[in-house]
């Protein structure tokens, strides 16, 4: 399972990635500090696995894992290849879901590419780039389908109409994942490999001072995410990066002092797992305690 971490320049994307993987990706105050994607693999938190480990004292302990890819910052015009647009879009195509980091903190020392903090605007900026890329894909699919349907075959004609329906939805400025589709239609859309059909979690990156506060800009982001059938959660990437360097005991003490039961990163990892409709199947014995990734609803 591969998740792409995206965001506009200077939103805290690489800081969050550092915390997720402790990979030390460079976080700098200029747009393209992450030019090639950094990849990190992180275990999915599962307290049940720890309980089984205490019971069996196995030779091997194997949690299930998620692969995170830190993808280069995006700017307007990416769908035309501006900035690092072509690389950005190609890396997005390769991931199973998107973790979109959105800036919800004020800091005069960290410039914002648009001059002000507006999470919903930033969210829409990247969405529009992906929508334009999908519209280009749909134009090509429709052209091909129309040629095939000249025979008058009803099934092919229906396919053309459905493709046009998808394009019309994109033209309204909405991602494909927000469409109301039947199970068969969803399966067909999955085969189109559209960027805006990928599952998304929006991460509202707040300052340490704002932890525990109700913020209007975060509320607005949550509403916008719900409207397009995406997930959302709030994290202070700077704090998460700091506690990622602590021992498990020190980390828990810090969280207790902050009045937080679970780290934002653990919540993010679990949310990503859930977003993709996955669960863990556990096996245990003296040789190995292991978590296996399976699709929710899979029968034994």
Protein backbone atom coordinates (compact mmCIF):
# COMPACT_ATOMS: atom_id res chain seq x y z
CA UNK A 1 0.00 0.00 0.00
CA UNK A 2 1.48 3.31 -1.12
CA UNK A 3 0.35 6.77 0.02
CA UNK A 4 1.47 10.02 -1.58
CA UNK A 5 2.06 12.99 0.76
CA UNK A 6 1.31 16.17 -1.19
CA UNK A 7 0.81 19.86 -0.54
CA UNK A 8 1.70 23.33 -1.75
CA UNK A 9 5.20 24.62 -0.91
CA UNK A 10 5.83 25.55 2.73
CA UNK A 11 2.76 23.90 4.27
CA UNK A 12 4.77 21.52 6.49
CA UNK A 13 4.59 18.54 4.15
CA UNK A 14 8.20 17.44 4.54
CA UNK A 15 8.08 18.10 8.28
CA UNK A 16 5.15 15.71 8.53
CA UNK A 17 6.95 13.19 6.35
CA UNK A 18 10.00 13.42 8.61
CA UNK A 19 7.80 12.60 11.57
CA UNK A 20 6.11 9.71 9.79
CA UNK A 21 9.25 7.97 8.69
CA UNK A 22 12.06 9.60 10.69
CA UNK A 23 13.80 9.59 7.32
CA UNK A 24 15.18 13.09 7.71
CA UNK A 25 13.82 14.46 4.43
CA UNK A 26 15.10 17.99 4.00
CA UNK A 27 12.56 20.59 5.08
CA UNK A 28 13.51 24.01 3.75
CA UNK A 29 11.84 27.34 3.08
CA UNK A 30 11.72 27.24 -0.71
CA UNK A 31 9.34 25.57 -3.15
CA UNK A 32 11.25 22.59 -4.51
CA UNK A 33 13.29 21.25 -1.59
CA UNK A 34 11.80 17.80 -2.17
CA UNK A 35 12.65 17.30 -5.83
CA UNK A 36 12.78 13.52 -5.92
CA UNK A 37 10.19 11.62 -3.89
CA UNK A 38 11.41 10.37 -0.55
CA UNK A 39 10.00 7.01 0.40
CA UNK A 40 9.52 5.66 3.90
CA UNK A 41 7.83 2.60 5.33
CA UNK A 42 6.07 2.81 8.68
CA UNK A 43 4.37 0.15 10.79
CA UNK A 44 0.61 0.31 11.33
CA UNK A 45 0.00 0.74 15.10
CA UNK A 46 -1.88 -2.24 16.54
CA UNK A 47 -1.98 -2.80 20.31
CA UNK A 48 -3.41 -6.30 19.77
CA UNK A 49 -0.13 -7.35 18.21
CA UNK A 50 1.73 -6.21 21.31
CA UNK A 51 -0.60 -8.24 23.53
CA UNK A 52 0.01 -11.36 21.43
CA UNK A 53 3.74 -10.73 21.56
CA UNK A 54 3.64 -10.65 25.37
CA UNK A 55 1.70 -13.92 25.36
CA UNK A 56 3.88 -15.88 22.93
CA UNK A 57 7.32 -14.21 23.21
CA UNK A 58 7.88 -15.00 19.50
CA UNK A 59 11.19 -15.20 17.69
CA UNK A 60 9.84 -12.71 15.15
CA UNK A 61 7.47 -9.72 15.44
CA UNK A 62 6.06 -8.49 12.11
CA UNK A 63 3.55 -5.63 11.98
CA UNK A 64 1.86 -4.66 8.74
CA UNK A 65 3.16 -1.50 7.09
CA UNK A 66 2.29 1.48 4.91
CA UNK A 67 4.62 3.08 2.38
CA UNK A 68 4.62 6.88 2.32
CA UNK A 69 6.02 8.88 -0.60
CA UNK A 70 6.93 12.54 -0.08
CA UNK A 71 6.07 14.11 -3.45
CA UNK A 72 7.58 17.39 -4.69
CA UNK A 73 5.62 20.58 -3.99
CA UNK A 74 3.03 21.62 -6.53
CA UNK A 75 2.36 25.03 -8.09
CA UNK A 76 -0.39 26.32 -10.35
CA UNK A 77 -0.09 25.14 -13.94
CA UNK A 78 1.22 21.69 -13.03
CA UNK A 79 -1.16 20.03 -15.48
CA UNK A 80 0.61 22.01 -18.23
CA UNK A 81 3.98 20.82 -16.95
CA UNK A 82 4.92 24.05 -15.14
CA UNK A 83 7.20 23.89 -12.10
CA UNK A 84 7.64 20.21 -11.40
CA UNK A 85 4.15 19.50 -12.68
CA UNK A 86 4.89 16.52 -14.91
CA UNK A 87 6.85 14.76 -12.15
CA UNK A 88 4.17 15.57 -9.60
CA UNK A 89 1.39 14.09 -11.71
CA UNK A 90 3.37 10.97 -12.60
CA UNK A 91 4.13 10.29 -8.92
CA UNK A 92 0.47 10.85 -7.98
CA UNK A 93 -0.59 8.24 -10.53
CA UNK A 94 1.55 5.64 -8.78
CA UNK A 95 0.03 5.92 -5.29
CA UNK A 96 -3.07 4.22 -3.88
CA UNK A 97 -4.28 7.23 -1.90
CA UNK A 98 -3.33 10.85 -1.22
CA UNK A 99 -2.44 12.53 2.07
CA UNK A 100 -2.92 16.24 1.32
CA UNK A 101 -1.23 18.49 3.90
CA UNK A 102 -2.91 21.89 4.19
CA UNK A 103 -1.43 24.83 6.06
CA UNK A 104 -3.57 26.12 8.92
CA UNK A 105 -0.85 27.92 10.89
CA UNK A 106 0.46 31.50 10.78
CA UNK A 107 4.22 32.09 10.71
CA UNK A 108 5.72 35.29 9.30
CA UNK A 109 9.07 33.53 8.90
CA UNK A 110 7.63 30.94 6.51
CA UNK A 111 6.31 32.46 3.32
CA UNK A 112 3.07 31.25 1.77
CA UNK A 113 3.07 30.99 -2.01
CA UNK A 114 -0.22 32.91 -2.17
CA UNK A 115 0.64 35.40 0.56
CA UNK A 116 -1.97 34.33 3.11
CA UNK A 117 -3.27 31.27 4.97
CA UNK A 118 -6.48 29.95 3.41
CA UNK A 119 -6.81 26.14 3.70
CA UNK A 120 -9.85 25.75 1.45
CA UNK A 121 -8.24 27.83 -1.30
CA UNK A 122 -5.04 25.76 -1.05
CA UNK A 123 -7.04 22.55 -1.12
CA UNK A 124 -8.82 23.70 -4.28
CA UNK A 125 -5.53 24.73 -5.92
CA UNK A 126 -4.25 21.17 -6.00
CA UNK A 127 -7.68 19.75 -6.78
CA UNK A 128 -7.97 21.97 -9.86
CA UNK A 129 -4.61 20.75 -11.16
CA UNK A 130 -5.70 17.13 -10.79
CA UNK A 131 -9.10 17.89 -12.31
CA UNK A 132 -7.50 19.46 -15.39
CA UNK A 133 -5.24 16.42 -15.78
CA UNK A 134 -8.28 14.12 -15.53
CA UNK A 135 -10.20 16.19 -18.08
CA UNK A 136 -7.36 15.67 -20.53
CA UNK A 137 -7.55 11.93 -19.86
CA UNK A 138 -11.32 11.95 -20.36
CA UNK A 139 -11.07 13.81 -23.68
CA UNK A 140 -8.87 11.02 -25.02
CA UNK A 141 -11.12 8.28 -23.63
CA UNK A 142 -14.25 9.88 -25.06
CA UNK A 143 -12.67 10.32 -28.49
CA UNK A 144 -11.70 6.65 -28.56
CA UNK A 145 -15.09 5.49 -27.26
CA UNK A 146 -16.98 7.57 -29.83
CA UNK A 147 -15.03 5.94 -32.64
CA UNK A 148 -15.84 2.50 -31.27
CA UNK A 149 -19.53 3.34 -30.87
CA UNK A 150 -20.11 4.28 -34.52
CA UNK A 151 -21.41 0.76 -35.08
CA UNK A 152 -24.45 1.72 -33.02
CA UNK A 153 -23.79 -0.87 -30.32
CA UNK A 154 -25.98 0.14 -27.35
CA UNK A 155 -23.39 -0.89 -24.77
CA UNK A 156 -20.71 1.24 -26.44
CA UNK A 157 -23.10 4.19 -26.78
CA UNK A 158 -23.93 3.91 -23.07
CA UNK A 159 -20.20 3.92 -22.30
CA UNK A 160 -19.77 7.17 -24.23
CA UNK A 161 -22.60 8.78 -22.26
CA UNK A 162 -21.11 7.65 -18.96
CA UNK A 163 -17.69 9.02 -19.91
CA UNK A 164 -19.31 12.35 -20.81
CA UNK A 165 -21.08 12.34 -17.45
CA UNK A 166 -17.71 11.98 -15.72
CA UNK A 167 -16.23 14.81 -17.78
CA UNK A 168 -19.20 17.05 -17.00
CA UNK A 169 -18.67 16.41 -13.29
CA UNK A 170 -15.01 17.39 -13.64
CA UNK A 171 -15.95 20.52 -15.61
CA UNK A 172 -18.08 21.60 -12.65
CA UNK A 173 -14.85 21.70 -10.62
CA UNK A 174 -15.54 18.58 -8.60
CA UNK A 175 -13.31 15.51 -8.16
CA UNK A 176 -14.56 12.17 -9.45
CA UNK A 177 -14.53 10.65 -5.94
CA UNK A 178 -17.49 12.92 -5.06
CA UNK A 179 -19.72 11.35 -7.74
CA UNK A 180 -22.65 9.18 -6.69
CA UNK A 181 -21.93 5.89 -8.46
CA UNK A 182 -23.26 2.36 -8.47
CA UNK A 183 -20.90 -0.47 -7.60
CA UNK A 184 -20.50 -1.36 -11.30
CA UNK A 185 -19.87 2.28 -12.21
CA UNK A 186 -17.28 2.58 -9.45
CA UNK A 187 -15.50 -0.51 -10.74
CA UNK A 188 -15.45 0.99 -14.25
CA UNK A 189 -14.12 4.32 -12.95
CA UNK A 190 -11.33 2.50 -11.08
CA UNK A 191 -10.20 1.17 -14.45
CA UNK A 192 -9.81 4.72 -15.79
CA UNK A 193 -7.03 5.47 -13.23
CA UNK A 194 -8.20 9.05 -12.74
CA UNK A 195 -6.28 11.17 -10.26
CA UNK A 196 -9.37 12.65 -8.61
CA UNK A 197 -10.92 9.23 -8.02
CA UNK A 198 -8.14 8.34 -5.57
CA UNK A 199 -9.07 8.38 -1.86
CA UNK A 200 -7.84 11.50 -0.04
CA UNK A 201 -7.20 12.51 3.56
CA UNK A 202 -6.73 16.22 4.23
CA UNK A 203 -4.33 16.97 7.08
CA UNK A 204 -4.89 20.34 8.73
CA UNK A 205 -1.40 21.33 9.91
CA UNK A 206 -1.77 23.64 12.91
CA UNK A 207 0.68 25.40 15.23
CA UNK A 208 1.56 24.08 18.68
CA UNK A 209 -0.26 27.04 20.26
CA UNK A 210 -3.48 26.02 18.50
CA UNK A 211 -3.56 22.41 19.73
CA UNK A 212 -6.94 21.79 21.34
CA UNK A 213 -8.48 25.00 20.00
CA UNK A 214 -11.46 25.33 17.69
CA UNK A 215 -10.24 27.05 14.54
CA UNK A 216 -12.62 28.46 11.88
CA UNK A 217 -10.18 27.67 9.06
CA UNK A 218 -9.94 24.04 10.17
CA UNK A 219 -13.72 23.75 10.42
CA UNK A 220 -14.00 25.11 6.88
CA UNK A 221 -11.49 22.54 5.64
CA UNK A 222 -13.42 19.71 7.30
CA UNK A 223 -16.66 20.84 5.64
CA UNK A 224 -14.99 21.05 2.23
CA UNK A 225 -13.46 17.58 2.69
CA UNK A 226 -16.82 16.06 3.63
CA UNK A 227 -18.42 17.61 0.53
CA UNK A 228 -16.07 15.65 -1.72
CA UNK A 229 -16.25 12.45 0.32
CA UNK A 230 -12.69 12.78 1.62
CA UNK A 231 -11.29 12.25 5.11
CA UNK A 232 -9.77 14.95 7.33
CA UNK A 233 -7.82 15.20 10.57
CA UNK A 234 -5.77 17.78 12.47
CA UNK A 235 -2.06 17.49 13.25
CA UNK A 236 0.75 19.73 14.44
CA UNK A 237 3.52 18.43 12.20
CA UNK A 238 6.23 20.26 14.13
CA UNK A 239 5.26 18.58 17.41
CA UNK A 240 4.90 15.20 15.72
CA UNK A 241 8.39 15.54 14.27
CA UNK A 242 9.80 16.35 17.70
CA UNK A 243 8.14 13.44 19.52
CA UNK A 244 9.07 11.00 16.76
CA UNK A 245 12.63 11.22 18.10
CA UNK A 246 11.61 10.23 21.65
CA UNK A 247 11.58 6.77 23.16
CA UNK A 248 8.13 5.12 23.43
CA UNK A 249 8.02 5.89 27.17
CA UNK A 250 9.05 9.54 26.69
CA UNK A 251 6.59 9.90 23.84
CA UNK A 252 3.69 8.64 25.95
CA UNK A 253 4.67 10.91 28.85
CA UNK A 254 4.69 13.88 26.48
CA UNK A 255 1.27 12.99 25.07
CA UNK A 256 -0.14 12.59 28.58
CA UNK A 257 1.17 16.03 29.54
CA UNK A 258 -0.48 17.49 26.44
CA UNK A 259 -3.74 15.74 27.29
CA UNK A 260 -3.58 13.68 24.09
CA UNK A 261 -4.29 9.96 24.22
CA UNK A 262 -2.81 9.11 20.84
CA UNK A 263 -0.30 10.83 18.58
CA UNK A 264 -1.53 12.52 15.43
CA UNK A 265 0.68 10.24 13.36
CA UNK A 266 -0.86 7.09 14.80
CA UNK A 267 -4.29 8.52 13.99
CA UNK A 268 -3.16 9.37 10.46
CA UNK A 269 -1.76 5.91 9.81
CA UNK A 270 -4.92 4.23 11.10
CA UNK A 271 -7.12 6.62 9.11
CA UNK A 272 -5.18 5.86 5.92
CA UNK A 273 -5.58 2.15 6.57
CA UNK A 274 -9.31 2.59 7.08
CA UNK A 275 -9.64 4.89 4.05
CA UNK A 276 -8.47 2.12 1.77
CA UNK A 277 -10.91 -0.35 3.31
CA UNK A 278 -8.16 -2.44 4.88
CA UNK A 279 -7.92 -4.30 8.17
CA UNK A 280 -5.29 -6.46 9.85
CA UNK A 281 -5.55 -10.23 10.18
CA UNK A 282 -3.36 -11.49 13.01
CA UNK A 283 -1.52 -14.78 13.38
CA UNK A 284 0.44 -15.78 16.47
CA UNK A 285 2.75 -18.50 17.69
CA UNK A 286 6.17 -19.01 19.28
CA UNK A 287 7.94 -18.51 15.95
CA UNK A 288 6.18 -15.34 14.82
CA UNK A 289 3.48 -12.86 15.73
CA UNK A 290 2.36 -11.19 12.52
CA UNK A 291 -0.20 -8.76 11.13
CA UNK A 292 -1.42 -9.30 7.57
CA UNK A 293 -3.15 -6.67 5.46
CA UNK A 294 -6.48 -7.79 4.02
CA UNK A 295 -9.48 -6.05 2.46
CA UNK A 296 -12.33 -5.50 4.91
CA UNK A 297 -15.02 -8.12 4.34
CA UNK A 298 -12.61 -10.76 3.03
CA UNK A 299 -13.87 -14.23 3.93
CA UNK A 300 -11.56 -16.80 5.51
